[in-house]
Amino acid sequence: MNKDLNYLVVGLGLMGGSVAKALSLKGYQVYGYDTNLSSIEFGYQNGIIKNNIVSEELIKNADVIILGLYPSIIVSWIKEHKHLFKQNVLITDLTGIKTNIVNPIQKELIGIGEFISLHPMCGKETSGVEHSNIEMFRVANLIIVPTESNSKESIDFARDFGENLEFNNIEILSIDEHDKMISFLSQLPHVIAVALMNSHESDSLVRYTGDSFRDLTRIAKINPYLWSELFIMNKENLIHDIDEFIKIMELLKESINNEDTVVLHSLFKESKRRRENFDKK
């Protein structure tokens, strides 16, 4: 990553704002582009971005564009603005789904620039640039999702990006591998948290609850618009994982109903073993 280049973050939400803040603190020239002008003003007043107005010139002057947009609009944004892109512009994203996004964008950029896809595996239960938080990167994984169309230089940029933001770990996955993985490790836990919160009236539960309920439902404070898109755009993988989860729930239910301690002990021991193995990594 070159500090003489202009970096444009499109979409100053929690993730885009956090990336902009992290890069600005490292001395990069970071600008913001958002339809919410209050986000631009907040970013400018707090030293997150260098501009307090939004214009097409920001796109024209950008050497690197970082897309912090909702997945449903990311391809259309590229189509609508590609006539403004610098020749050989490098574009990346921060979105949590890759199927039907990465390949279409790369096709749109043929002869113009290059798109290398990223997914920071972190987030908070808040939204907006005012809640930007660079600390979340330091305990998180960054997934790089290249295709055969990507150059070594763009993959090197992605690694450099992760190192600059001080991610705990950087991995490379294909589009299919990423979407299958994210379904189980991110989307299914959110499904479970939402189901748990909606399965019982919760107004009075705070007076009795312990850490287990708090830990399991922390991510139920969900952005309904973003996560609806993520679930639906990855529905094939997610429905498969929900079905597999239901099978285990039915087995637990049957074992409890039958007072079958042999099966219960087996399930508990296996879950303990897997979690302890997970903790060693």
C-alpha atoms as a PDB file:
ATOM      1  CA  MET A   1       0.000   0.000   0.000  1.00  0.00           C
ATOM      2  CA  ASN A   2       1.323   3.384  -1.069  1.00  0.00           C
ATOM      3  CA  LYS A   3       0.712   6.435   1.142  1.00  0.00           C
ATOM      4  CA  ASP A   4       0.986   8.737  -1.891  1.00  0.00           C
ATOM      5  CA  LEU A   5      -2.241   7.280  -3.345  1.00  0.00           C
ATOM      6  CA  ASN A   6      -5.806   8.479  -2.738  1.00  0.00           C
ATOM      7  CA  TYR A   7      -8.020   5.985  -0.898  1.00  0.00           C
ATOM      8  CA  LEU A   8     -11.786   6.393  -1.177  1.00  0.00           C
ATOM      9  CA  VAL A   9     -14.106   4.576   1.221  1.00  0.00           C
ATOM     10  CA  VAL A  10     -17.610   4.317  -0.254  1.00  0.00           C
ATOM     11  CA  GLY A  11     -20.186   3.774   2.473  1.00  0.00           C
ATOM     12  CA  LEU A  12     -19.192   5.247   5.838  1.00  0.00           C
ATOM     13  CA  GLY A  13     -21.024   2.799   8.050  1.00  0.00           C
ATOM     14  CA  LEU A  14     -19.516   0.884  10.941  1.00  0.00           C
ATOM     15  CA  MET A  15     -17.158  -1.183   8.792  1.00  0.00           C
ATOM     16  CA  GLY A  16     -16.314   1.459   6.203  1.00  0.00           C
ATOM     17  CA  GLY A  17     -15.845   4.055   8.924  1.00  0.00           C
ATOM     18  CA  SER A  18     -13.595   1.746  10.934  1.00  0.00           C
ATOM     19  CA  VAL A  19     -11.433   1.000   7.884  1.00  0.00           C
ATOM     20  CA  ALA A  20     -11.209   4.712   7.061  1.00  0.00           C
ATOM     21  CA  LYS A  21     -10.212   5.532  10.641  1.00  0.00           C
ATOM     22  CA  ALA A  22      -7.564   2.794  10.739  1.00  0.00           C
ATOM     23  CA  LEU A  23      -5.987   3.869   7.451  1.00  0.00           C
ATOM     24  CA  SER A  24      -6.064   7.572   8.388  1.00  0.00           C
ATOM     25  CA  LEU A  25      -4.297   6.831  11.663  1.00  0.00           C
ATOM     26  CA  LYS A  26      -1.605   5.024   9.643  1.00  0.00           C
ATOM     27  CA  GLY A  27      -1.025   8.153   7.547  1.00  0.00           C
ATOM     28  CA  TYR A  28      -2.935   7.245   4.372  1.00  0.00           C
ATOM     29  CA  GLN A  29      -4.868   9.853   2.383  1.00  0.00           C
ATOM     30  CA  VAL A  30      -8.448   8.724   3.015  1.00  0.00           C
ATOM     31  CA  TYR A  31     -11.629  10.238   1.585  1.00  0.00           C
ATOM     32  CA  GLY A  32     -15.257   9.287   2.136  1.00  0.00           C
ATOM     33  CA  TYR A  33     -18.243   8.932  -0.173  1.00  0.00           C
ATOM     34  CA  ASP A  34     -21.728   8.463   1.256  1.00  0.00           C
ATOM     35  CA  THR A  35     -25.268   9.644   0.495  1.00  0.00           C
ATOM     36  CA  ASN A  36     -25.675  10.385   4.220  1.00  0.00           C
ATOM     37  CA  LEU A  37     -24.000  13.769   4.512  1.00  0.00           C
ATOM     38  CA  SER A  38     -24.078  13.664   8.303  1.00  0.00           C
ATOM     39  CA  SER A  39     -21.752  10.656   8.125  1.00  0.00           C
ATOM     40  CA  ILE A  40     -19.382  12.621   5.897  1.00  0.00           C
ATOM     41  CA  GLU A  41     -19.443  15.560   8.297  1.00  0.00           C
ATOM     42  CA  PHE A  42     -18.823  13.319  11.298  1.00  0.00           C
ATOM     43  CA  GLY A  43     -15.944  11.620   9.519  1.00  0.00           C
ATOM     44  CA  TYR A  44     -14.393  14.957   8.571  1.00  0.00           C
ATOM     45  CA  GLN A  45     -14.815  16.544  11.996  1.00  0.00           C
ATOM     46  CA  ASN A  46     -13.226  13.528  13.682  1.00  0.00           C
ATOM     47  CA  GLY A  47     -10.256  13.177  11.347  1.00  0.00           C
ATOM     48  CA  ILE A  48     -11.490   9.930   9.783  1.00  0.00           C
ATOM     49  CA  ILE A  49     -11.634  11.345   6.238  1.00  0.00           C
ATOM     50  CA  LYS A  50     -10.163  14.411   4.558  1.00  0.00           C
ATOM     51  CA  ASN A  51     -13.299  15.752   2.844  1.00  0.00           C
ATOM     52  CA  ASN A  52     -16.509  17.354   4.102  1.00  0.00           C
ATOM     53  CA  ILE A  53     -18.309  17.432   0.758  1.00  0.00           C
ATOM     54  CA  VAL A  54     -19.262  14.700  -1.710  1.00  0.00           C
ATOM     55  CA  SER A  55     -18.682  15.014  -5.448  1.00  0.00           C
ATOM     56  CA  GLU A  56     -17.794  12.910  -8.469  1.00  0.00           C
ATOM     57  CA  GLU A  57     -14.255  14.295  -8.260  1.00  0.00           C
ATOM     58  CA  LEU A  58     -13.634  12.022  -5.283  1.00  0.00           C
ATOM     59  CA  ILE A  59     -14.257   8.990  -7.485  1.00  0.00           C
ATOM     60  CA  LYS A  60     -12.242  10.393 -10.395  1.00  0.00           C
ATOM     61  CA  ASN A  61      -9.226  11.015  -8.161  1.00  0.00           C
ATOM     62  CA  ALA A  62      -9.342   7.701  -6.289  1.00  0.00           C
ATOM     63  CA  ASP A  63      -6.476   5.277  -6.859  1.00  0.00           C
ATOM     64  CA  VAL A  64      -7.997   2.712  -4.494  1.00  0.00           C
ATOM     65  CA  ILE A  65     -11.729   2.370  -3.782  1.00  0.00           C
ATOM     66  CA  ILE A  66     -12.946   0.439  -0.745  1.00  0.00           C
ATOM     67  CA  LEU A  67     -16.630  -0.473  -0.906  1.00  0.00           C
ATOM     68  CA  GLY A  68     -18.468  -0.576   2.417  1.00  0.00           C
ATOM     69  CA  LEU A  69     -21.864  -0.967   0.742  1.00  0.00           C
ATOM     70  CA  TYR A  70     -24.773  -3.349   1.307  1.00  0.00           C
ATOM     71  CA  PRO A  71     -24.384  -6.430  -0.901  1.00  0.00           C
ATOM     72  CA  SER A  72     -27.594  -5.763  -2.854  1.00  0.00           C
ATOM     73  CA  ILE A  73     -26.305  -2.470  -4.271  1.00  0.00           C
ATOM     74  CA  ILE A  74     -22.592  -3.102  -4.678  1.00  0.00           C
ATOM     75  CA  VAL A  75     -22.718  -4.339  -8.295  1.00  0.00           C
ATOM     76  CA  SER A  76     -25.125  -1.617  -9.395  1.00  0.00           C
ATOM     77  CA  TRP A  77     -22.898   1.045  -7.813  1.00  0.00           C
ATOM     78  CA  ILE A  78     -19.967  -0.210  -9.879  1.00  0.00           C
ATOM     79  CA  LYS A  79     -22.051  -0.139 -13.063  1.00  0.00           C
ATOM     80  CA  GLU A  80     -23.326   3.377 -12.379  1.00  0.00           C
ATOM     81  CA  HIS A  81     -19.936   4.893 -11.554  1.00  0.00           C
ATOM     82  CA  LYS A  82     -17.368   2.977 -13.584  1.00  0.00           C
ATOM     83  CA  HIS A  83     -17.229   5.743 -16.195  1.00  0.00           C
ATOM     84  CA  LEU A  84     -15.625   7.901 -13.475  1.00  0.00           C
ATOM     85  CA  PHE A  85     -12.920   5.432 -12.460  1.00  0.00           C
ATOM     86  CA  LYS A  86      -9.246   6.129 -13.008  1.00  0.00           C
ATOM     87  CA  GLN A  87      -7.505   3.804 -15.406  1.00  0.00           C
ATOM     88  CA  ASN A  88      -6.007   0.887 -13.451  1.00  0.00           C
ATOM     89  CA  VAL A  89      -8.010   1.695 -10.323  1.00  0.00           C
ATOM     90  CA  LEU A  90      -7.882  -0.982  -7.638  1.00  0.00           C
ATOM     91  CA  ILE A  91     -11.215  -1.746  -5.972  1.00  0.00           C
ATOM     92  CA  THR A  92     -12.001  -3.924  -2.990  1.00  0.00           C
ATOM     93  CA  ASP A  93     -15.032  -4.592  -0.803  1.00  0.00           C
ATOM     94  CA  LEU A  94     -15.918  -5.510   2.775  1.00  0.00           C
ATOM     95  CA  THR A  95     -19.130  -7.415   2.195  1.00  0.00           C
ATOM     96  CA  GLY A  96     -20.082 -10.728   3.797  1.00  0.00           C
ATOM     97  CA  ILE A  97     -21.252 -12.575   0.683  1.00  0.00           C
ATOM     98  CA  LYS A  98     -19.290 -13.204  -2.511  1.00  0.00           C
ATOM     99  CA  THR A  99     -21.432 -15.291  -4.911  1.00  0.00           C
ATOM    100  CA  ASN A 100     -23.018 -13.099  -7.606  1.00  0.00           C
ATOM    101  CA  ILE A 101     -20.854 -10.171  -6.521  1.00  0.00           C
ATOM    102  CA  VAL A 102     -17.173 -10.875  -7.208  1.00  0.00           C
ATOM    103  CA  ASN A 103     -17.365 -12.244 -10.760  1.00  0.00           C
ATOM    104  CA  PRO A 104     -19.910  -9.663 -12.021  1.00  0.00           C
ATOM    105  CA  ILE A 105     -17.777  -6.799 -10.694  1.00  0.00           C
ATOM    106  CA  GLN A 106     -14.623  -8.215 -12.247  1.00  0.00           C
ATOM    107  CA  LYS A 107     -16.395  -8.436 -15.603  1.00  0.00           C
ATOM    108  CA  GLU A 108     -17.521  -4.812 -15.321  1.00  0.00           C
ATOM    109  CA  LEU A 109     -13.939  -3.698 -14.683  1.00  0.00           C
ATOM    110  CA  ILE A 110     -12.288  -5.425 -17.674  1.00  0.00           C
ATOM    111  CA  GLY A 111     -10.055  -2.854 -19.337  1.00  0.00           C
ATOM    112  CA  ILE A 112     -10.567  -0.386 -16.470  1.00  0.00           C
ATOM    113  CA  GLY A 113      -9.110  -1.757 -13.254  1.00  0.00           C
ATOM    114  CA  GLU A 114      -9.009  -4.679 -10.866  1.00  0.00           C
ATOM    115  CA  PHE A 115     -11.284  -5.935  -8.100  1.00  0.00           C
ATOM    116  CA  ILE A 116      -9.929  -8.005  -5.191  1.00  0.00           C
ATOM    117  CA  SER A 117     -12.541  -9.101  -2.655  1.00  0.00           C
ATOM    118  CA  LEU A 118     -12.099  -8.968   1.132  1.00  0.00           C
ATOM    119  CA  HIS A 119     -14.167  -9.913   4.162  1.00  0.00           C
ATOM    120  CA  PRO A 120     -13.205  -8.657   7.632  1.00  0.00           C
ATOM    121  CA  MET A 121     -14.605 -11.263  10.039  1.00  0.00           C
ATOM    122  CA  CYS A 122     -15.678  -8.806  12.706  1.00  0.00           C
ATOM    123  CA  GLY A 123     -18.398  -6.364  13.626  1.00  0.00           C
ATOM    124  CA  LYS A 124     -20.330  -4.805  16.458  1.00  0.00           C
ATOM    125  CA  GLU A 125     -23.967  -4.607  17.489  1.00  0.00           C
ATOM    126  CA  THR A 126     -23.970  -0.912  16.585  1.00  0.00           C
ATOM    127  CA  SER A 127     -23.984   0.777  13.186  1.00  0.00           C
ATOM    128  CA  GLY A 128     -22.729   4.002  11.674  1.00  0.00           C
ATOM    129  CA  VAL A 129     -19.385   5.793  11.407  1.00  0.00           C
ATOM    130  CA  GLU A 130     -19.882   7.301  14.860  1.00  0.00           C
ATOM    131  CA  HIS A 131     -19.362   3.803  16.274  1.00  0.00           C
ATOM    132  CA  SER A 132     -16.234   3.070  14.220  1.00  0.00           C
ATOM    133  CA  ASN A 133     -13.809   0.881  16.116  1.00  0.00           C
ATOM    134  CA  ILE A 134     -10.346  -0.127  14.938  1.00  0.00           C
ATOM    135  CA  GLU A 135      -9.716  -2.418  17.909  1.00  0.00           C
ATOM    136  CA  MET A 136     -12.085  -5.042  16.488  1.00  0.00           C
ATOM    137  CA  PHE A 137      -9.642  -5.754  13.647  1.00  0.00           C
ATOM    138  CA  ARG A 138      -6.845  -6.784  16.012  1.00  0.00           C
ATOM    139  CA  VAL A 139      -8.676  -9.853  17.311  1.00  0.00           C
ATOM    140  CA  ALA A 140     -10.293 -10.773  13.992  1.00  0.00           C
ATOM    141  CA  ASN A 141      -9.593 -12.737  10.820  1.00  0.00           C
ATOM    142  CA  LEU A 142      -9.432 -11.204   7.353  1.00  0.00           C
ATOM    143  CA  ILE A 143     -10.542 -13.392   4.452  1.00  0.00           C
ATOM    144  CA  ILE A 144      -9.129 -12.644   0.995  1.00  0.00           C
ATOM    145  CA  VAL A 145     -11.300 -14.030  -1.831  1.00  0.00           C
ATOM    146  CA  PRO A 146      -9.319 -13.935  -5.085  1.00  0.00           C
ATOM    147  CA  THR A 147     -10.209 -15.440  -8.440  1.00  0.00           C
ATOM    148  CA  GLU A 148      -8.111 -16.449 -11.444  1.00  0.00           C
ATOM    149  CA  SER A 149      -8.600 -12.906 -12.728  1.00  0.00           C
ATOM    150  CA  ASN A 150      -6.607 -11.390  -9.875  1.00  0.00           C
ATOM    151  CA  SER A 151      -2.967 -10.440 -10.228  1.00  0.00           C
ATOM    152  CA  LYS A 152      -0.292 -11.196  -7.660  1.00  0.00           C
ATOM    153  CA  GLU A 153      -0.062  -7.449  -7.048  1.00  0.00           C
ATOM    154  CA  SER A 154      -3.707  -7.201  -6.003  1.00  0.00           C
ATOM    155  CA  ILE A 155      -3.388 -10.176  -3.642  1.00  0.00           C
ATOM    156  CA  ASP A 156      -0.235  -8.615  -2.172  1.00  0.00           C
ATOM    157  CA  PHE A 157      -2.212  -5.395  -1.692  1.00  0.00           C
ATOM    158  CA  ALA A 158      -4.929  -7.330   0.146  1.00  0.00           C
ATOM    159  CA  ARG A 159      -2.364  -8.878   2.498  1.00  0.00           C
ATOM    160  CA  ASP A 160      -0.754  -5.484   3.058  1.00  0.00           C
ATOM    161  CA  PHE A 161      -4.199  -4.052   3.804  1.00  0.00           C
ATOM    162  CA  GLY A 162      -4.760  -6.719   6.457  1.00  0.00           C
ATOM    163  CA  GLU A 163      -1.358  -6.135   8.013  1.00  0.00           C
ATOM    164  CA  ASN A 164      -1.901  -2.360   8.112  1.00  0.00           C
ATOM    165  CA  LEU A 165      -5.195  -2.818   9.926  1.00  0.00           C
ATOM    166  CA  GLU A 166      -3.439  -5.304  12.246  1.00  0.00           C
ATOM    167  CA  PHE A 167      -5.777  -8.245  11.705  1.00  0.00           C
ATOM    168  CA  ASN A 168      -4.985 -11.201  13.928  1.00  0.00           C
ATOM    169  CA  ASN A 169      -4.957 -13.623  10.992  1.00  0.00           C
ATOM    170  CA  ILE A 170      -5.210 -13.465   7.196  1.00  0.00           C
ATOM    171  CA  GLU A 171      -6.556 -16.353   5.106  1.00  0.00           C
ATOM    172  CA  ILE A 172      -7.389 -16.999   1.434  1.00  0.00           C
ATOM    173  CA  LEU A 173     -10.582 -18.762   0.319  1.00  0.00           C
ATOM    174  CA  SER A 174     -12.371 -19.265  -2.990  1.00  0.00           C
ATOM    175  CA  ILE A 175     -15.823 -17.757  -3.520  1.00  0.00           C
ATOM    176  CA  ASP A 176     -17.585 -21.070  -2.854  1.00  0.00           C
ATOM    177  CA  GLU A 177     -15.424 -21.884   0.158  1.00  0.00           C
ATOM    178  CA  HIS A 178     -16.047 -18.456   1.611  1.00  0.00           C
ATOM    179  CA  ASP A 179     -19.825 -18.558   1.291  1.00  0.00           C
ATOM    180  CA  LYS A 180     -20.060 -22.065   2.736  1.00  0.00           C
ATOM    181  CA  MET A 181     -17.810 -21.123   5.625  1.00  0.00           C
ATOM    182  CA  ILE A 182     -19.583 -17.845   6.364  1.00  0.00           C
ATOM    183  CA  SER A 183     -22.954 -19.587   6.405  1.00  0.00           C
ATOM    184  CA  PHE A 184     -21.924 -21.836   9.278  1.00  0.00           C
ATOM    185  CA  LEU A 185     -19.577 -19.578  11.237  1.00  0.00           C
ATOM    186  CA  SER A 186     -21.461 -16.286  10.980  1.00  0.00           C
ATOM    187  CA  GLN A 187     -24.940 -16.531   9.521  1.00  0.00           C
ATOM    188  CA  LEU A 188     -26.138 -19.644  11.387  1.00  0.00           C
ATOM    189  CA  PRO A 189     -25.113 -18.192  14.801  1.00  0.00           C
ATOM    190  CA  HIS A 190     -27.127 -15.075  13.970  1.00  0.00           C
ATOM    191  CA  VAL A 191     -30.112 -17.254  13.002  1.00  0.00           C
ATOM    192  CA  ILE A 192     -29.846 -19.094  16.330  1.00  0.00           C
ATOM    193  CA  ALA A 193     -29.565 -15.855  18.339  1.00  0.00           C
ATOM    194  CA  VAL A 194     -32.603 -14.345  16.591  1.00  0.00           C
ATOM    195  CA  ALA A 195     -34.622 -17.549  17.101  1.00  0.00           C
ATOM    196  CA  LEU A 196     -33.699 -17.682  20.790  1.00  0.00           C
ATOM    197  CA  MET A 197     -34.726 -14.075  21.424  1.00  0.00           C
ATOM    198  CA  ASN A 198     -38.011 -14.582  19.554  1.00  0.00           C
ATOM    199  CA  SER A 199     -38.898 -17.866  21.280  1.00  0.00           C
ATOM    200  CA  HIS A 200     -39.733 -16.315  24.652  1.00  0.00           C
ATOM    201  CA  GLU A 201     -41.095 -13.012  25.921  1.00  0.00           C
ATOM    202  CA  SER A 202     -37.976 -11.263  27.122  1.00  0.00           C
ATOM    203  CA  ASP A 203     -39.004  -8.038  28.896  1.00  0.00           C
ATOM    204  CA  SER A 204     -38.547  -9.480  32.368  1.00  0.00           C
ATOM    205  CA  LEU A 205     -35.709 -11.925  31.651  1.00  0.00           C
ATOM    206  CA  VAL A 206     -32.966  -9.424  32.457  1.00  0.00           C
ATOM    207  CA  ARG A 207     -33.751  -9.798  36.170  1.00  0.00           C
ATOM    208  CA  TYR A 208     -32.900 -13.498  36.120  1.00  0.00           C
ATOM    209  CA  THR A 209     -30.468 -14.146  33.281  1.00  0.00           C
ATOM    210  CA  GLY A 210     -26.862 -15.255  33.534  1.00  0.00           C
ATOM    211  CA  ASP A 211     -23.836 -15.047  31.273  1.00  0.00           C
ATOM    212  CA  SER A 212     -24.895 -17.988  29.082  1.00  0.00           C
ATOM    213  CA  PHE A 213     -28.015 -16.224  27.796  1.00  0.00           C
ATOM    214  CA  ARG A 214     -26.148 -12.928  27.358  1.00  0.00           C
ATOM    215  CA  ASP A 215     -23.335 -14.615  25.427  1.00  0.00           C
ATOM    216  CA  LEU A 216     -25.693 -16.576  23.173  1.00  0.00           C
ATOM    217  CA  THR A 217     -27.894 -13.601  22.297  1.00  0.00           C
ATOM    218  CA  ARG A 218     -25.372 -10.761  22.017  1.00  0.00           C
ATOM    219  CA  ILE A 219     -25.524 -10.855  18.221  1.00  0.00           C
ATOM    220  CA  ALA A 220     -29.343 -10.800  18.196  1.00  0.00           C
ATOM    221  CA  LYS A 221     -29.063  -6.983  18.138  1.00  0.00           C
ATOM    222  CA  ILE A 222     -28.976  -7.353  14.396  1.00  0.00           C
ATOM    223  CA  ASN A 223     -29.136  -4.863  11.511  1.00  0.00           C
ATOM    224  CA  PRO A 224     -32.380  -6.122   9.908  1.00  0.00           C
ATOM    225  CA  TYR A 225     -31.714  -4.701   6.452  1.00  0.00           C
ATOM    226  CA  LEU A 226     -28.127  -5.894   6.054  1.00  0.00           C
ATOM    227  CA  TRP A 227     -28.662  -9.355   7.523  1.00  0.00           C
ATOM    228  CA  SER A 228     -31.828 -10.002   5.527  1.00  0.00           C
ATOM    229  CA  GLU A 229     -29.741  -9.459   2.401  1.00  0.00           C
ATOM    230  CA  LEU A 230     -26.915 -11.676   3.631  1.00  0.00           C
ATOM    231  CA  PHE A 231     -29.275 -14.527   4.576  1.00  0.00           C
ATOM    232  CA  ILE A 232     -31.215 -14.452   1.306  1.00  0.00           C
ATOM    233  CA  MET A 233     -28.163 -14.058  -0.945  1.00  0.00           C
ATOM    234  CA  ASN A 234     -26.583 -17.123   0.682  1.00  0.00           C
ATOM    235  CA  LYS A 235     -29.807 -19.048   1.224  1.00  0.00           C
ATOM    236  CA  GLU A 236     -28.716 -22.360  -0.306  1.00  0.00           C
ATOM    237  CA  ASN A 237     -25.786 -22.735   2.082  1.00  0.00           C
ATOM    238  CA  LEU A 238     -27.671 -21.299   5.040  1.00  0.00           C
ATOM    239  CA  ILE A 239     -30.755 -23.506   4.645  1.00  0.00           C
ATOM    240  CA  HIS A 240     -28.478 -26.556   4.489  1.00  0.00           C
ATOM    241  CA  ASP A 241     -26.783 -25.522   7.739  1.00  0.00           C
ATOM    242  CA  ILE A 242     -30.127 -24.800   9.422  1.00  0.00           C
ATOM    243  CA  ASP A 243     -31.371 -28.272   8.422  1.00  0.00           C
ATOM    244  CA  GLU A 244     -28.239 -29.876   9.884  1.00  0.00           C
ATOM    245  CA  PHE A 245     -28.653 -27.874  13.073  1.00  0.00           C
ATOM    246  CA  ILE A 246     -32.292 -28.944  13.363  1.00  0.00           C
ATOM    247  CA  LYS A 247     -31.200 -32.598  13.134  1.00  0.00           C
ATOM    248  CA  ILE A 248     -28.993 -32.160  16.199  1.00  0.00           C
ATOM    249  CA  MET A 249     -31.748 -30.271  18.028  1.00  0.00           C
ATOM    250  CA  GLU A 250     -34.166 -33.113  17.297  1.00  0.00           C
ATOM    251  CA  LEU A 251     -31.624 -35.638  18.580  1.00  0.00           C
ATOM    252  CA  LEU A 252     -31.174 -33.654  21.783  1.00  0.00           C
ATOM    253  CA  LYS A 253     -34.926 -33.308  22.172  1.00  0.00           C
ATOM    254  CA  GLU A 254     -35.487 -37.045  21.680  1.00  0.00           C
ATOM    255  CA  SER A 255     -32.681 -37.963  24.073  1.00  0.00           C
ATOM    256  CA  ILE A 256     -34.010 -35.668  26.796  1.00  0.00           C
ATOM    257  CA  ASN A 257     -37.547 -36.925  26.320  1.00  0.00           C
ATOM    258  CA  ASN A 258     -36.362 -40.559  26.521  1.00  0.00           C
ATOM    259  CA  GLU A 259     -33.976 -39.779  29.393  1.00  0.00           C
ATOM    260  CA  ASP A 260     -31.242 -41.302  27.284  1.00  0.00           C
ATOM    261  CA  THR A 261     -28.101 -40.293  29.170  1.00  0.00           C
ATOM    262  CA  VAL A 262     -25.876 -42.398  26.924  1.00  0.00           C
ATOM    263  CA  VAL A 263     -26.654 -40.243  23.869  1.00  0.00           C
ATOM    264  CA  LEU A 264     -26.618 -37.029  25.909  1.00  0.00           C
ATOM    265  CA  HIS A 265     -23.230 -37.842  27.406  1.00  0.00           C
ATOM    266  CA  SER A 266     -21.901 -38.657  23.958  1.00  0.00           C
ATOM    267  CA  LEU A 267     -23.107 -35.342  22.507  1.00  0.00           C
ATOM    268  CA  PHE A 268     -21.787 -33.359  25.472  1.00  0.00           C
ATOM    269  CA  LYS A 269     -18.375 -35.036  25.347  1.00  0.00           C
ATOM    270  CA  GLU A 270     -18.081 -34.463  21.608  1.00  0.00           C
ATOM    271  CA  SER A 271     -19.087 -30.798  21.847  1.00  0.00           C
ATOM    272  CA  LYS A 272     -16.592 -30.314  24.701  1.00  0.00           C
ATOM    273  CA  ARG A 273     -13.836 -31.992  22.682  1.00  0.00           C
ATOM    274  CA  ARG A 274     -14.521 -29.850  19.614  1.00  0.00           C
ATOM    275  CA  ARG A 275     -14.617 -26.644  21.640  1.00  0.00           C
ATOM    276  CA  GLU A 276     -11.368 -27.452  23.433  1.00  0.00           C
ATOM    277  CA  ASN A 277      -9.755 -28.199  20.074  1.00  0.00           C
ATOM    278  CA  PHE A 278     -11.121 -24.895  18.760  1.00  0.00           C
ATOM    279  CA  ASP A 279      -9.606 -23.027  21.747  1.00  0.00           C
ATOM    280  CA  LYS A 280      -6.141 -24.429  20.995  1.00  0.00           C
ATOM    281  CA  LYS A 281      -6.022 -22.876  17.524  1.00  0.00           C
END
